[in-house]
Amino acid sequence: VISLHNAPLHVGHLVQEHLLKAKEAIIFTSATMRTNNSFEYFQERLDLWDAEGAAVGSPFDYENNTLVYIPIDVPEPNTPGHQKVFEEGLIELAKRIKGRTLVLFTAYSQLRNSARNIKGPLAEAGIVVYQQGDGSSRRQILENFVTTDQAVLLGTRSFWEGVDIPGPALSCVVIARIPFAVPSDPVVAARSETFDEPFYQYSIPQAILMFRQGFGRLIRQKDDRGVVVIFDRRVVSKSYGQAFLDSLPSVTEERDALANLPSMAESWIYHGGI
């Protein structure tokens, strides 16, 4: 069976024609509409240059309840040793904090490889690994994760958003890589061609929005507390990396060796500090 799909390169005119023209006023709301503290990218995509933007503060105390940990000695993605170091670090982290971890991947291939390599060591520690793509529905996977005492959940694109697990069942979110779209994807490639500097004008803003969505999986209610681990040190080694960190609310941030991650995460989650 061959199926053909099409997608508009720009949706602004469609939004104008089918939504805005028929209404006197419309309110767009989301926790992830801004990049670099600006609505410009959102306005450009939807042709909303005349719209008024307002950023409303969050009721969550991110600075005291969220630790963002960046292991600075992990090899960059797609370099020798990265996958092995990532998996070893993930195993030690999950053991120390007794599961309670959502790991967000950008590709099924890395997810499957990691699942295969961490399941055995974590099973020996009494930790169950659930993974997207095992034949279960998204809803069933989430239910299994929440109802299992010690569990790790591995997910890709659809798990970066819409996952709502308040309370101690989810105390750690691991971001395996910056969520850049695949450049060879036909829609991504075609849309990129419409920009003078596609990496900075399209790829980075899109990735920042997804990055913020992933970050947002952790704190779902006022008394939630936990750790976000960014295993992609390009957020500190590349010139564009700071834009990702600047997109987050005010948090407690640590840049340290991978070896110190398990103990710091345990202290933050279970003892209220580092």
Foldseek 3Di string as FASTA:
>chain_A
DDDDDDDDLACQVVCVVPPVVVDPDDDDDDPQCDFLPDNVLVCVRNVNPVDDDDDDDDPAPFAQFEEEEEAQPADAPPDPPNLVVVLVLVLLQLLLQQALEEEEDADVVSLVVSCVVRQVSVVVSVEHEAEPPPPDDPVVSLVVLQPRRGYYYYYYDVVLADAADDDSSHAEYEYAAQNFDDCPPVSNVVSLVVDPHSCVSPRLSVSLSSLVSNVVRQHRDHPGHHYYYYHHNCLPVPPSNVSSVSSDDNYHYYHHHSVCVNVQRSCCHPVSGD
